[in-house]
Amino acid sequence: MPYQENLKTKCPETLPRINGKTGTDIAGALLIYQDIYPQCAARHNALVNEINKRESVLNGNH
């Protein structure tokens, strides 16, 4: 059975850089990270769970 397409989507490889030393500079980057991280982490965790489930079935441990 093929993997779901959304589980095969890579997370961004390039993240925003902090372009200054002020709180505003840091906050801008953190807001973008806040949007990216949950989607990427949820996708990654779902993929790991799916792989573990398939390995368990293949090894007869279901």
PDB file of N, CA and C in Angstrom:
ATOM      1  N   MET A   1       0.847  -1.171   0.000  1.00  0.00           N
ATOM      2  CA  MET A   1       0.000   0.000   0.000  1.00  0.00           C
ATOM      3  C   MET A   1       0.898   1.241   0.000  1.00  0.00           C
ATOM      4  N   PRO A   2       0.639   2.183  -0.896  1.00  0.00           N
ATOM      5  CA  PRO A   2       1.469   3.388  -0.946  1.00  0.00           C
ATOM      6  C   PRO A   2       1.221   4.311   0.248  1.00  0.00           C
ATOM      7  N   TYR A   3       2.230   5.094   0.545  1.00  0.00           N
ATOM      8  CA  TYR A   3       2.095   6.096   1.601  1.00  0.00           C
ATOM      9  C   TYR A   3       1.230   7.250   1.111  1.00  0.00           C
ATOM     10  N   GLN A   4       0.545   7.914   2.039  1.00  0.00           N
ATOM     11  CA  GLN A   4      -0.235   9.095   1.687  1.00  0.00           C
ATOM     12  C   GLN A   4       0.703  10.182   1.192  1.00  0.00           C
ATOM     13  N   GLU A   5       0.267  10.919   0.196  1.00  0.00           N
ATOM     14  CA  GLU A   5       1.111  11.965  -0.395  1.00  0.00           C
ATOM     15  C   GLU A   5       1.525  13.014   0.634  1.00  0.00           C
ATOM     16  N   ASN A   6       0.628  13.375   1.555  1.00  0.00           N
ATOM     17  CA  ASN A   6       0.996  14.407   2.529  1.00  0.00           C
ATOM     18  C   ASN A   6       2.104  13.929   3.456  1.00  0.00           C
ATOM     19  N   LEU A   7       2.245  12.615   3.649  1.00  0.00           N
ATOM     20  CA  LEU A   7       3.326  12.097   4.489  1.00  0.00           C
ATOM     21  C   LEU A   7       4.663  12.111   3.758  1.00  0.00           C
ATOM     22  N   LYS A   8       4.622  12.259   2.446  1.00  0.00           N
ATOM     23  CA  LYS A   8       5.859  12.287   1.655  1.00  0.00           C
ATOM     24  C   LYS A   8       6.319  13.709   1.357  1.00  0.00           C
ATOM     25  N   THR A   9       5.632  14.701   1.922  1.00  0.00           N
ATOM     26  CA  THR A   9       5.980  16.100   1.713  1.00  0.00           C
ATOM     27  C   THR A   9       7.093  16.497   2.678  1.00  0.00           C
ATOM     28  N   LYS A  10       8.169  17.022   2.146  1.00  0.00           N
ATOM     29  CA  LYS A  10       9.289  17.435   2.994  1.00  0.00           C
ATOM     30  C   LYS A  10       8.994  18.749   3.695  1.00  0.00           C
ATOM     31  N   CYS A  11       9.587  18.903   4.849  1.00  0.00           N
ATOM     32  CA  CYS A  11       9.518  20.174   5.570  1.00  0.00           C
ATOM     33  C   CYS A  11      10.463  21.167   4.894  1.00  0.00           C
ATOM     34  N   PRO A  12      10.246  22.463   5.090  1.00  0.00           N
ATOM     35  CA  PRO A  12      11.128  23.454   4.478  1.00  0.00           C
ATOM     36  C   PRO A  12      12.579  23.258   4.934  1.00  0.00           C
ATOM     37  N   GLU A  13      13.487  23.334   3.996  1.00  0.00           N
ATOM     38  CA  GLU A  13      14.900  23.204   4.332  1.00  0.00           C
ATOM     39  C   GLU A  13      15.520  24.543   4.683  1.00  0.00           C
ATOM     40  N   THR A  14      14.909  25.600   4.220  1.00  0.00           N
ATOM     41  CA  THR A  14      15.416  26.930   4.494  1.00  0.00           C
ATOM     42  C   THR A  14      14.445  27.629   5.437  1.00  0.00           C
ATOM     43  N   LEU A  15      14.923  27.985   6.583  1.00  0.00           N
ATOM     44  CA  LEU A  15      14.104  28.687   7.560  1.00  0.00           C
ATOM     45  C   LEU A  15      14.516  30.151   7.600  1.00  0.00           C
ATOM     46  N   PRO A  16      13.616  31.014   8.021  1.00  0.00           N
ATOM     47  CA  PRO A  16      13.947  32.440   8.069  1.00  0.00           C
ATOM     48  C   PRO A  16      15.075  32.718   9.054  1.00  0.00           C
ATOM     49  N   ARG A  17      15.888  33.656   8.712  1.00  0.00           N
ATOM     50  CA  ARG A  17      16.994  34.077   9.564  1.00  0.00           C
ATOM     51  C   ARG A  17      16.574  35.273  10.400  1.00  0.00           C
ATOM     52  N   ILE A  18      17.179  35.375  11.551  1.00  0.00           N
ATOM     53  CA  ILE A  18      16.973  36.537  12.397  1.00  0.00           C
ATOM     54  C   ILE A  18      17.896  37.624  11.863  1.00  0.00           C
ATOM     55  N   ASN A  19      17.315  38.738  11.446  1.00  0.00           N
ATOM     56  CA  ASN A  19      18.086  39.768  10.751  1.00  0.00           C
ATOM     57  C   ASN A  19      18.480  40.944  11.629  1.00  0.00           C
ATOM     58  N   GLY A  20      18.463  40.774  12.909  1.00  0.00           N
ATOM     59  CA  GLY A  20      18.833  41.870  13.786  1.00  0.00           C
ATOM     60  C   GLY A  20      18.929  41.400  15.217  1.00  0.00           C
ATOM     61  N   LYS A  21      19.061  42.348  16.109  1.00  0.00           N
ATOM     62  CA  LYS A  21      19.252  42.021  17.523  1.00  0.00           C
ATOM     63  C   LYS A  21      18.097  42.482  18.402  1.00  0.00           C
ATOM     64  N   THR A  22      17.049  42.952  17.770  1.00  0.00           N
ATOM     65  CA  THR A  22      15.934  43.471  18.567  1.00  0.00           C
ATOM     66  C   THR A  22      14.883  42.378  18.785  1.00  0.00           C
ATOM     67  N   GLY A  23      14.028  42.621  19.732  1.00  0.00           N
ATOM     68  CA  GLY A  23      12.934  41.695  19.989  1.00  0.00           C
ATOM     69  C   GLY A  23      12.020  41.550  18.787  1.00  0.00           C
ATOM     70  N   THR A  24      11.823  42.625  18.051  1.00  0.00           N
ATOM     71  CA  THR A  24      10.980  42.591  16.856  1.00  0.00           C
ATOM     72  C   THR A  24      11.592  41.688  15.792  1.00  0.00           C
ATOM     73  N   ASP A  25      12.909  41.741  15.641  1.00  0.00           N
ATOM     74  CA  ASP A  25      13.590  40.885  14.666  1.00  0.00           C
ATOM     75  C   ASP A  25      13.405  39.410  15.027  1.00  0.00           C
ATOM     76  N   ILE A  26      13.563  39.108  16.289  1.00  0.00           N
ATOM     77  CA  ILE A  26      13.432  37.729  16.759  1.00  0.00           C
ATOM     78  C   ILE A  26      11.973  37.283  16.668  1.00  0.00           C
ATOM     79  N   ALA A  27      11.044  38.138  17.057  1.00  0.00           N
ATOM     80  CA  ALA A  27       9.627  37.792  17.039  1.00  0.00           C
ATOM     81  C   ALA A  27       9.151  37.467  15.628  1.00  0.00           C
ATOM     82  N   GLY A  28       9.627  38.208  14.653  1.00  0.00           N
ATOM     83  CA  GLY A  28       9.220  37.946  13.263  1.00  0.00           C
ATOM     84  C   GLY A  28       9.589  36.549  12.816  1.00  0.00           C
ATOM     85  N   ALA A  29      10.824  36.147  13.101  1.00  0.00           N
ATOM     86  CA  ALA A  29      11.266  34.802  12.730  1.00  0.00           C
ATOM     87  C   ALA A  29      10.510  33.748  13.532  1.00  0.00           C
ATOM     88  N   LEU A  30      10.296  33.990  14.807  1.00  0.00           N
ATOM     89  CA  LEU A  30       9.606  33.012  15.650  1.00  0.00           C
ATOM     90  C   LEU A  30       8.153  32.806  15.212  1.00  0.00           C
ATOM     91  N   LEU A  31       7.508  33.843  14.734  1.00  0.00           N
ATOM     92  CA  LEU A  31       6.139  33.686  14.245  1.00  0.00           C
ATOM     93  C   LEU A  31       6.093  32.771  13.015  1.00  0.00           C
ATOM     94  N   ILE A  32       7.081  32.889  12.165  1.00  0.00           N
ATOM     95  CA  ILE A  32       7.144  32.011  10.992  1.00  0.00           C
ATOM     96  C   ILE A  32       7.431  30.579  11.443  1.00  0.00           C
ATOM     97  N   TYR A  33       8.370  30.403  12.369  1.00  0.00           N
ATOM     98  CA  TYR A  33       8.657  29.061  12.907  1.00  0.00           C
ATOM     99  C   TYR A  33       7.405  28.462  13.532  1.00  0.00           C
ATOM    100  N   GLN A  34       6.644  29.290  14.229  1.00  0.00           N
ATOM    101  CA  GLN A  34       5.423  28.840  14.892  1.00  0.00           C
ATOM    102  C   GLN A  34       4.424  28.280  13.872  1.00  0.00           C
ATOM    103  N   ASP A  35       4.399  28.828  12.683  1.00  0.00           N
ATOM    104  CA  ASP A  35       3.505  28.339  11.631  1.00  0.00           C
ATOM    105  C   ASP A  35       4.034  27.070  10.974  1.00  0.00           C
ATOM    106  N   ILE A  36       5.339  26.960  10.826  1.00  0.00           N
ATOM    107  CA  ILE A  36       5.954  25.834  10.123  1.00  0.00           C
ATOM    108  C   ILE A  36       6.032  24.588  10.997  1.00  0.00           C
ATOM    109  N   TYR A  37       6.455  24.732  12.245  1.00  0.00           N
ATOM    110  CA  TYR A  37       6.764  23.582  13.091  1.00  0.00           C
ATOM    111  C   TYR A  37       5.594  22.611  13.296  1.00  0.00           C
ATOM    112  N   PRO A  38       4.403  23.061  13.693  1.00  0.00           N
ATOM    113  CA  PRO A  38       3.331  22.089  13.963  1.00  0.00           C
ATOM    114  C   PRO A  38       2.981  21.218  12.754  1.00  0.00           C
ATOM    115  N   GLN A  39       2.950  21.823  11.569  1.00  0.00           N
ATOM    116  CA  GLN A  39       2.631  21.062  10.360  1.00  0.00           C
ATOM    117  C   GLN A  39       3.707  20.027  10.074  1.00  0.00           C
ATOM    118  N   CYS A  40       4.957  20.440  10.171  1.00  0.00           N
ATOM    119  CA  CYS A  40       6.065  19.536   9.880  1.00  0.00           C
ATOM    120  C   CYS A  40       6.146  18.425  10.929  1.00  0.00           C
ATOM    121  N   ALA A  41       6.011  18.776  12.197  1.00  0.00           N
ATOM    122  CA  ALA A  41       6.100  17.780  13.266  1.00  0.00           C
ATOM    123  C   ALA A  41       4.953  16.779  13.174  1.00  0.00           C
ATOM    124  N   ALA A  42       3.748  17.248  12.897  1.00  0.00           N
ATOM    125  CA  ALA A  42       2.602  16.349  12.783  1.00  0.00           C
ATOM    126  C   ALA A  42       2.786  15.393  11.612  1.00  0.00           C
ATOM    127  N   ARG A  43       3.259  15.911  10.492  1.00  0.00           N
ATOM    128  CA  ARG A  43       3.497  15.077   9.312  1.00  0.00           C
ATOM    129  C   ARG A  43       4.584  14.046   9.606  1.00  0.00           C
ATOM    130  N   HIS A  44       5.662  14.473  10.227  1.00  0.00           N
ATOM    131  CA  HIS A  44       6.761  13.569  10.537  1.00  0.00           C
ATOM    132  C   HIS A  44       6.314  12.487  11.507  1.00  0.00           C
ATOM    133  N   ASN A  45       5.598  12.868  12.556  1.00  0.00           N
ATOM    134  CA  ASN A  45       5.119  11.887  13.531  1.00  0.00           C
ATOM    135  C   ASN A  45       4.158  10.894  12.896  1.00  0.00           C
ATOM    136  N   ALA A  46       3.275  11.361  12.008  1.00  0.00           N
ATOM    137  CA  ALA A  46       2.350  10.463  11.328  1.00  0.00           C
ATOM    138  C   ALA A  46       3.101   9.480  10.437  1.00  0.00           C
ATOM    139  N   LEU A  47       4.149   9.952   9.780  1.00  0.00           N
ATOM    140  CA  LEU A  47       4.947   9.066   8.935  1.00  0.00           C
ATOM    141  C   LEU A  47       5.661   8.016   9.770  1.00  0.00           C
ATOM    142  N   VAL A  48       6.242   8.418  10.870  1.00  0.00           N
ATOM    143  CA  VAL A  48       6.920   7.469  11.762  1.00  0.00           C
ATOM    144  C   VAL A  48       5.925   6.430  12.275  1.00  0.00           C
ATOM    145  N   ASN A  49       4.739   6.874  12.677  1.00  0.00           N
ATOM    146  CA  ASN A  49       3.715   5.935  13.148  1.00  0.00           C
ATOM    147  C   ASN A  49       3.315   4.953  12.051  1.00  0.00           C
ATOM    148  N   GLU A  50       3.153   5.443  10.844  1.00  0.00           N
ATOM    149  CA  GLU A  50       2.777   4.584   9.717  1.00  0.00           C
ATOM    150  C   GLU A  50       3.867   3.560   9.414  1.00  0.00           C
ATOM    151  N   ILE A  51       5.105   3.992   9.402  1.00  0.00           N
ATOM    152  CA  ILE A  51       6.220   3.062   9.153  1.00  0.00           C
ATOM    153  C   ILE A  51       6.288   2.013  10.253  1.00  0.00           C
ATOM    154  N   ASN A  52       6.159   2.436  11.507  1.00  0.00           N
ATOM    155  CA  ASN A  52       6.195   1.482  12.620  1.00  0.00           C
ATOM    156  C   ASN A  52       5.047   0.476  12.525  1.00  0.00           C
ATOM    157  N   LYS A  53       3.868   0.963  12.151  1.00  0.00           N
ATOM    158  CA  LYS A  53       2.706   0.077  12.016  1.00  0.00           C
ATOM    159  C   LYS A  53       2.955  -0.955  10.910  1.00  0.00           C
ATOM    160  N   ARG A  54       3.478  -0.507   9.780  1.00  0.00           N
ATOM    161  CA  ARG A  54       3.747  -1.428   8.666  1.00  0.00           C
ATOM    162  C   ARG A  54       4.820  -2.443   9.040  1.00  0.00           C
ATOM    163  N   GLU A  55       5.861  -1.995   9.727  1.00  0.00           N
ATOM    164  CA  GLU A  55       6.906  -2.928  10.155  1.00  0.00           C
ATOM    165  C   GLU A  55       6.344  -3.955  11.124  1.00  0.00           C
ATOM    166  N   SER A  56       5.455  -3.533  12.003  1.00  0.00           N
ATOM    167  CA  SER A  56       4.851  -4.431  12.962  1.00  0.00           C
ATOM    168  C   SER A  56       4.020  -5.503  12.242  1.00  0.00           C
ATOM    169  N   VAL A  57       3.258  -5.090  11.247  1.00  0.00           N
ATOM    170  CA  VAL A  57       2.449  -6.040  10.479  1.00  0.00           C
ATOM    171  C   VAL A  57       3.359  -7.006   9.705  1.00  0.00           C
ATOM    172  N   LEU A  58       4.394  -6.478   9.095  1.00  0.00           N
ATOM    173  CA  LEU A  58       5.309  -7.325   8.331  1.00  0.00           C
ATOM    174  C   LEU A  58       6.039  -8.337   9.210  1.00  0.00           C
ATOM    175  N   ASN A  59       6.310  -7.943  10.447  1.00  0.00           N
ATOM    176  CA  ASN A  59       7.008  -8.825  11.375  1.00  0.00           C
ATOM    177  C   ASN A  59       6.062  -9.707  12.164  1.00  0.00           C
ATOM    178  N   GLY A  60       4.755  -9.609  11.895  1.00  0.00           N
ATOM    179  CA  GLY A  60       3.770 -10.441  12.578  1.00  0.00           C
ATOM    180  C   GLY A  60       3.502 -10.021  13.995  1.00  0.00           C
ATOM    181  N   ASN A  61       3.757  -8.764  14.339  1.00  0.00           N
ATOM    182  CA  ASN A  61       3.539  -8.262  15.700  1.00  0.00           C
ATOM    183  C   ASN A  61       2.297  -7.409  15.825  1.00  0.00           C
ATOM    184  N   HIS A  62       1.352  -7.558  14.917  1.00  0.00           N
ATOM    185  CA  HIS A  62       0.169  -6.697  14.964  1.00  0.00           C
ATOM    186  C   HIS A  62      -0.761  -7.255  15.977  1.00  0.00           C
TER     187      HIS A  62
END
